[in-house]
All heavy atoms as atom14 arrays in JSON, in Angstrom:
{
  "sequence": "YPVENVTLDYKLVSLDFNSPLDMRAPGGVT",
  "atom14_mask": [
    [1, 1, 1, 1, 1, 1, 1, 1, 1, 1, 1, 1, 0, 0],
    [1, 1, 1, 1, 1, 1, 1, 0, 0, 0, 0, 0, 0, 0],
    [1, 1, 1, 1, 1, 1, 1, 0, 0, 0, 0, 0, 0, 0],
    [1, 1, 1, 1, 1, 1, 1, 1, 1, 0, 0, 0, 0, 0],
    [1, 1, 1, 1, 1, 1, 1, 1, 0, 0, 0, 0, 0, 0],
    [1, 1, 1, 1, 1, 1, 1, 0, 0, 0, 0, 0, 0, 0],
    [1, 1, 1, 1, 1, 1, 1, 0, 0, 0, 0, 0, 0, 0],
    [1, 1, 1, 1, 1, 1, 1, 1, 0, 0, 0, 0, 0, 0],
    [1, 1, 1, 1, 1, 1, 1, 1, 0, 0, 0, 0, 0, 0],
    [1, 1, 1, 1, 1, 1, 1, 1, 1, 1, 1, 1, 0, 0],
    [1, 1, 1, 1, 1, 1, 1, 1, 1, 0, 0, 0, 0, 0],
    [1, 1, 1, 1, 1, 1, 1, 1, 0, 0, 0, 0, 0, 0],
    [1, 1, 1, 1, 1, 1, 1, 0, 0, 0, 0, 0, 0, 0],
    [1, 1, 1, 1, 1, 1, 0, 0, 0, 0, 0, 0, 0, 0],
    [1, 1, 1, 1, 1, 1, 1, 1, 0, 0, 0, 0, 0, 0],
    [1, 1, 1, 1, 1, 1, 1, 1, 0, 0, 0, 0, 0, 0],
    [1, 1, 1, 1, 1, 1, 1, 1, 1, 1, 1, 0, 0, 0],
    [1, 1, 1, 1, 1, 1, 1, 1, 0, 0, 0, 0, 0, 0],
    [1, 1, 1, 1, 1, 1, 0, 0, 0, 0, 0, 0, 0, 0],
    [1, 1, 1, 1, 1, 1, 1, 0, 0, 0, 0, 0, 0, 0],
    [1, 1, 1, 1, 1, 1, 1, 1, 0, 0, 0, 0, 0, 0],
    [1, 1, 1, 1, 1, 1, 1, 1, 0, 0, 0, 0, 0, 0],
    [1, 1, 1, 1, 1, 1, 1, 1, 0, 0, 0, 0, 0, 0],
    [1, 1, 1, 1, 1, 1, 1, 1, 1, 1, 1, 0, 0, 0],
    [1, 1, 1, 1, 1, 0, 0, 0, 0, 0, 0, 0, 0, 0],
    [1, 1, 1, 1, 1, 1, 1, 0, 0, 0, 0, 0, 0, 0],
    [1, 1, 1, 1, 0, 0, 0, 0, 0, 0, 0, 0, 0, 0],
    [1, 1, 1, 1, 0, 0, 0, 0, 0, 0, 0, 0, 0, 0],
    [1, 1, 1, 1, 1, 1, 1, 0, 0, 0, 0, 0, 0, 0],
    [1, 1, 1, 1, 1, 1, 1, 0, 0, 0, 0, 0, 0, 0]
  ],
  "atom14_positions": [
    [[-2.2, -22.77, 34.41], [-2.7, -23.64, 35.51], [-1.71, -24.73, 35.88], [-0.98, -25.31, 34.98], [-4.03, -24.33, 35.07], [-5.11, -23.32, 34.8], [-5.49, -22.91, 33.47], [-5.77, -22.6, 35.88], [-6.46, -22.05, 33.28], [-6.71, -21.68, 35.64], [-7.1, -21.36, 34.28], [-8.04, -20.44, 34.04], [0.0, 0.0, 0.0], [0.0, 0.0, 0.0]],
    [[-1.53, -25.07, 37.16], [-0.56, -26.03, 37.6], [-1.05, -27.48, 37.4], [-1.23, -28.24, 38.38], [-0.39, -25.68, 39.09], [-1.75, -25.18, 39.51], [-2.29, -24.44, 38.29], [0.0, 0.0, 0.0], [0.0, 0.0, 0.0], [0.0, 0.0, 0.0], [0.0, 0.0, 0.0], [0.0, 0.0, 0.0], [0.0, 0.0, 0.0], [0.0, 0.0, 0.0]],
    [[-1.22, -27.85, 36.19], [-1.75, -29.16, 35.86], [-0.64, -30.12, 35.63], [0.3, -29.91, 34.8], [-2.67, -29.11, 34.61], [-3.5, -30.31, 34.52], [-3.5, -27.83, 34.58], [0.0, 0.0, 0.0], [0.0, 0.0, 0.0], [0.0, 0.0, 0.0], [0.0, 0.0, 0.0], [0.0, 0.0, 0.0], [0.0, 0.0, 0.0], [0.0, 0.0, 0.0]],
    [[-0.62, -31.28, 36.26], [0.5, -32.26, 36.17], [0.27, -33.22, 35.02], [1.19, -33.89, 34.55], [0.67, -32.97, 37.46], [1.06, -32.01, 38.61], [1.25, -32.8, 39.91], [0.92, -33.98, 39.92], [1.63, -32.17, 40.91], [0.0, 0.0, 0.0], [0.0, 0.0, 0.0], [0.0, 0.0, 0.0], [0.0, 0.0, 0.0], [0.0, 0.0, 0.0]],
    [[-0.96, -33.33, 34.54], [-1.3, -34.3, 33.49], [-1.91, -33.6, 32.28], [-3.09, -33.21, 32.28], [-2.28, -35.37, 34.03], [-1.72, -36.04, 35.26], [-0.81, -36.81, 35.28], [-2.31, -35.59, 36.46], [0.0, 0.0, 0.0], [0.0, 0.0, 0.0], [0.0, 0.0, 0.0], [0.0, 0.0, 0.0], [0.0, 0.0, 0.0], [0.0, 0.0, 0.0]],
    [[-1.05, -33.35, 31.29], [-1.45, -32.52, 30.2], [-1.12, -33.2, 28.86], [0.02, -33.7, 28.66], [-0.73, -31.11, 30.25], [-1.12, -30.25, 29.1], [-1.07, -30.45, 31.61], [0.0, 0.0, 0.0], [0.0, 0.0, 0.0], [0.0, 0.0, 0.0], [0.0, 0.0, 0.0], [0.0, 0.0, 0.0], [0.0, 0.0, 0.0], [0.0, 0.0, 0.0]],
    [[-1.99, -33.14, 27.88], [-1.79, -33.51, 26.49], [-2.31, -32.39, 25.6], [-3.51, -32.06, 25.69], [-2.45, -34.82, 26.17], [-1.91, -35.86, 26.99], [-2.22, -35.17, 24.69], [0.0, 0.0, 0.0], [0.0, 0.0, 0.0], [0.0, 0.0, 0.0], [0.0, 0.0, 0.0], [0.0, 0.0, 0.0], [0.0, 0.0, 0.0], [0.0, 0.0, 0.0]],
    [[-1.41, -31.92, 24.74], [-1.78, -30.78, 23.85], [-1.47, -31.17, 22.46], [-0.53, -31.83, 22.15], [-0.95, -29.51, 24.2], [-1.04, -29.04, 25.66], [-0.12, -27.86, 25.89], [-2.45, -28.68, 26.08], [0.0, 0.0, 0.0], [0.0, 0.0, 0.0], [0.0, 0.0, 0.0], [0.0, 0.0, 0.0], [0.0, 0.0, 0.0], [0.0, 0.0, 0.0]],
    [[-2.35, -30.76, 21.5], [-2.13, -31.14, 20.14], [-2.69, -30.03, 19.17], [-3.72, -29.41, 19.51], [-2.89, -32.44, 19.83], [-2.62, -32.99, 18.44], [-1.51, -32.77, 17.94], [-3.56, -33.58, 17.82], [0.0, 0.0, 0.0], [0.0, 0.0, 0.0], [0.0, 0.0, 0.0], [0.0, 0.0, 0.0], [0.0, 0.0, 0.0], [0.0, 0.0, 0.0]],
    [[-1.93, -29.76, 18.14], [-2.28, -28.71, 17.19], [-2.01, -29.12, 15.78], [-0.87, -29.6, 15.5], [-1.51, -27.47, 17.51], [-1.7, -26.27, 16.56], [-2.94, -25.63, 16.51], [-0.64, -25.83, 15.77], [-3.1, -24.55, 15.63], [-0.85, -24.8, 14.85], [-2.09, -24.11, 14.81], [-2.29, -23.09, 13.95], [0.0, 0.0, 0.0], [0.0, 0.0, 0.0]],
    [[-3.01, -29.08, 14.9], [-2.82, -29.49, 13.56], [-3.48, -28.5, 12.61], [-4.36, -27.69, 13.0], [-3.48, -30.92, 13.34], [-2.8, -32.05, 14.1], [-3.49, -33.35, 13.82], [-2.74, -34.5, 14.54], [-3.46, -35.81, 14.32], [0.0, 0.0, 0.0], [0.0, 0.0, 0.0], [0.0, 0.0, 0.0], [0.0, 0.0, 0.0], [0.0, 0.0, 0.0]],
    [[-3.08, -28.6, 11.34], [-3.6, -27.69, 10.31], [-4.39, -28.47, 9.25], [-4.05, -29.61, 8.97], [-2.44, -26.96, 9.62], [-1.62, -26.02, 10.5], [-0.46, -25.43, 9.7], [-2.4, -24.93, 11.12], [0.0, 0.0, 0.0], [0.0, 0.0, 0.0], [0.0, 0.0, 0.0], [0.0, 0.0, 0.0], [0.0, 0.0, 0.0], [0.0, 0.0, 0.0]],
    [[-5.36, -27.82, 8.72], [-6.08, -28.37, 7.56], [-5.94, -27.41, 6.4], [-6.31, -26.19, 6.49], [-7.58, -28.53, 7.92], [-8.36, -29.03, 6.68], [-7.75, -29.45, 9.08], [0.0, 0.0, 0.0], [0.0, 0.0, 0.0], [0.0, 0.0, 0.0], [0.0, 0.0, 0.0], [0.0, 0.0, 0.0], [0.0, 0.0, 0.0], [0.0, 0.0, 0.0]],
    [[-5.33, -27.88, 5.3], [-5.15, -27.04, 4.13], [-6.43, -26.91, 3.37], [-6.98, -27.89, 2.91], [-4.02, -27.58, 3.26], [-2.81, -27.65, 3.97], [0.0, 0.0, 0.0], [0.0, 0.0, 0.0], [0.0, 0.0, 0.0], [0.0, 0.0, 0.0], [0.0, 0.0, 0.0], [0.0, 0.0, 0.0], [0.0, 0.0, 0.0], [0.0, 0.0, 0.0]],
    [[-6.81, -25.68, 3.11], [-8.08, -25.37, 2.4], [-7.81, -24.38, 1.24], [-6.71, -23.81, 1.2], [-9.17, -24.78, 3.33], [-9.58, -25.68, 4.47], [-10.52, -24.95, 5.39], [-10.21, -26.97, 4.01], [0.0, 0.0, 0.0], [0.0, 0.0, 0.0], [0.0, 0.0, 0.0], [0.0, 0.0, 0.0], [0.0, 0.0, 0.0], [0.0, 0.0, 0.0]],
    [[-8.76, -24.22, 0.42], [-8.58, -23.34, -0.8], [-8.94, -21.9, -0.42], [-9.9, -21.37, -1.01], [-9.43, -23.89, -1.96], [-8.93, -25.28, -2.41], [-7.73, -25.38, -2.64], [-9.77, -26.16, -2.58], [0.0, 0.0, 0.0], [0.0, 0.0, 0.0], [0.0, 0.0, 0.0], [0.0, 0.0, 0.0], [0.0, 0.0, 0.0], [0.0, 0.0, 0.0]],
    [[-8.25, -21.35, 0.47], [-8.29, -19.98, 0.87], [-6.9, -19.38, 0.74], [-5.9, -20.1, 0.62], [-8.71, -19.75, 2.34], [-10.17, -20.06, 2.67], [-10.52, -20.89, 3.66], [-11.17, -19.45, 1.88], [-11.85, -21.16, 3.94], [-12.49, -19.73, 2.17], [-12.82, -20.56, 3.17], [0.0, 0.0, 0.0], [0.0, 0.0, 0.0], [0.0, 0.0, 0.0]],
    [[-6.79, -18.03, 0.73], [-5.49, -17.41, 0.92], [-5.0, -17.7, 2.32], [-5.8, -18.06, 3.22], [-5.55, -15.92, 0.66], [-4.2, -15.27, 0.34], [-3.2, -15.89, 0.48], [-4.22, -14.07, -0.08], [0.0, 0.0, 0.0], [0.0, 0.0, 0.0], [0.0, 0.0, 0.0], [0.0, 0.0, 0.0], [0.0, 0.0, 0.0], [0.0, 0.0, 0.0]],
    [[-3.68, -17.54, 2.56], [-3.18, -17.83, 3.9], [-3.75, -16.93, 4.91], [-3.91, -15.74, 4.73], [-1.63, -17.66, 3.85], [-0.96, -18.55, 2.97], [0.0, 0.0, 0.0], [0.0, 0.0, 0.0], [0.0, 0.0, 0.0], [0.0, 0.0, 0.0], [0.0, 0.0, 0.0], [0.0, 0.0, 0.0], [0.0, 0.0, 0.0], [0.0, 0.0, 0.0]],
    [[-4.08, -17.51, 6.08], [-4.46, -16.66, 7.21], [-3.29, -15.76, 7.62], [-2.14, -15.87, 7.12], [-4.77, -17.68, 8.32], [-5.06, -18.94, 7.6], [-4.15, -18.9, 6.44], [0.0, 0.0, 0.0], [0.0, 0.0, 0.0], [0.0, 0.0, 0.0], [0.0, 0.0, 0.0], [0.0, 0.0, 0.0], [0.0, 0.0, 0.0], [0.0, 0.0, 0.0]],
    [[-3.58, -14.78, 8.48], [-2.58, -13.76, 8.9], [-2.84, -13.43, 10.35], [-3.96, -13.41, 10.84], [-2.77, -12.56, 7.92], [-1.87, -11.3, 8.17], [-0.45, -11.7, 7.97], [-2.28, -10.23, 7.19], [0.0, 0.0, 0.0], [0.0, 0.0, 0.0], [0.0, 0.0, 0.0], [0.0, 0.0, 0.0], [0.0, 0.0, 0.0], [0.0, 0.0, 0.0]],
    [[-1.78, -13.07, 11.02], [-1.89, -12.62, 12.37], [-2.97, -11.58, 12.56], [-2.94, -10.59, 11.84], [-0.52, -12.14, 12.9], [0.51, -13.22, 12.97], [0.16, -14.41, 13.03], [1.71, -12.83, 13.0], [0.0, 0.0, 0.0], [0.0, 0.0, 0.0], [0.0, 0.0, 0.0], [0.0, 0.0, 0.0], [0.0, 0.0, 0.0], [0.0, 0.0, 0.0]],
    [[-3.79, -11.79, 13.61], [-4.85, -10.83, 13.86], [-4.97, -10.7, 15.34], [-4.95, -11.63, 16.08], [-6.25, -11.33, 13.31], [-7.38, -10.41, 13.41], [-8.79, -11.14, 12.52], [-10.09, -9.87, 12.8], [0.0, 0.0, 0.0], [0.0, 0.0, 0.0], [0.0, 0.0, 0.0], [0.0, 0.0, 0.0], [0.0, 0.0, 0.0], [0.0, 0.0, 0.0]],
    [[-5.01, -9.53, 15.79], [-4.87, -9.1, 17.21], [-5.01, -10.3, 18.22], [-6.06, -10.96, 18.34], [-5.92, -8.07, 17.55], [-5.67, -7.27, 18.82], [-6.6, -6.13, 19.03], [-6.13, -5.18, 19.99], [-6.66, -4.01, 20.22], [-7.74, -3.66, 19.51], [-6.21, -3.15, 21.1], [0.0, 0.0, 0.0], [0.0, 0.0, 0.0], [0.0, 0.0, 0.0]],
    [[-3.87, -10.55, 18.89], [-3.76, -11.68, 19.82], [-3.97, -13.03, 19.05], [-4.82, -13.84, 19.39], [-4.74, -11.62, 20.95], [0.0, 0.0, 0.0], [0.0, 0.0, 0.0], [0.0, 0.0, 0.0], [0.0, 0.0, 0.0], [0.0, 0.0, 0.0], [0.0, 0.0, 0.0], [0.0, 0.0, 0.0], [0.0, 0.0, 0.0], [0.0, 0.0, 0.0]],
    [[-3.25, -13.25, 17.92], [-3.45, -14.43, 17.14], [-3.19, -15.71, 17.94], [-2.17, -15.83, 18.56], [-2.41, -14.28, 15.97], [-1.39, -13.38, 16.52], [-2.12, -12.43, 17.43], [0.0, 0.0, 0.0], [0.0, 0.0, 0.0], [0.0, 0.0, 0.0], [0.0, 0.0, 0.0], [0.0, 0.0, 0.0], [0.0, 0.0, 0.0], [0.0, 0.0, 0.0]],
    [[-4.14, -16.66, 17.95], [-4.04, -17.84, 18.68], [-4.4, -17.66, 20.17], [-5.04, -18.52, 20.73], [0.0, 0.0, 0.0], [0.0, 0.0, 0.0], [0.0, 0.0, 0.0], [0.0, 0.0, 0.0], [0.0, 0.0, 0.0], [0.0, 0.0, 0.0], [0.0, 0.0, 0.0], [0.0, 0.0, 0.0], [0.0, 0.0, 0.0], [0.0, 0.0, 0.0]],
    [[-4.02, -16.56, 20.76], [-4.27, -16.38, 22.19], [-5.75, -16.24, 22.46], [-6.3, -16.92, 23.29], [0.0, 0.0, 0.0], [0.0, 0.0, 0.0], [0.0, 0.0, 0.0], [0.0, 0.0, 0.0], [0.0, 0.0, 0.0], [0.0, 0.0, 0.0], [0.0, 0.0, 0.0], [0.0, 0.0, 0.0], [0.0, 0.0, 0.0], [0.0, 0.0, 0.0]],
    [[-6.33, -15.28, 21.77], [-7.79, -15.08, 21.98], [-8.57, -16.23, 21.45], [-9.61, -16.61, 22.06], [-8.27, -13.72, 21.31], [-8.15, -13.8, 19.8], [-9.67, -13.43, 21.75], [0.0, 0.0, 0.0], [0.0, 0.0, 0.0], [0.0, 0.0, 0.0], [0.0, 0.0, 0.0], [0.0, 0.0, 0.0], [0.0, 0.0, 0.0], [0.0, 0.0, 0.0]],
    [[-8.08, -16.93, 20.41], [-8.77, -18.15, 19.92], [-8.73, -19.26, 20.96], [-9.77, -19.84, 21.25], [-8.06, -18.59, 18.67], [-8.05, -17.57, 17.68], [-8.86, -19.83, 18.03], [0.0, 0.0, 0.0], [0.0, 0.0, 0.0], [0.0, 0.0, 0.0], [0.0, 0.0, 0.0], [0.0, 0.0, 0.0], [0.0, 0.0, 0.0], [0.0, 0.0, 0.0]]
  ]
}
């Protein structure tokens, strides 16, 4: 989208699981 005013942020929370793994369209579909 042609948006002129944009703020994006991405952070991680470390939990007691095994590491996640790429899964069909990782991040994109999410």
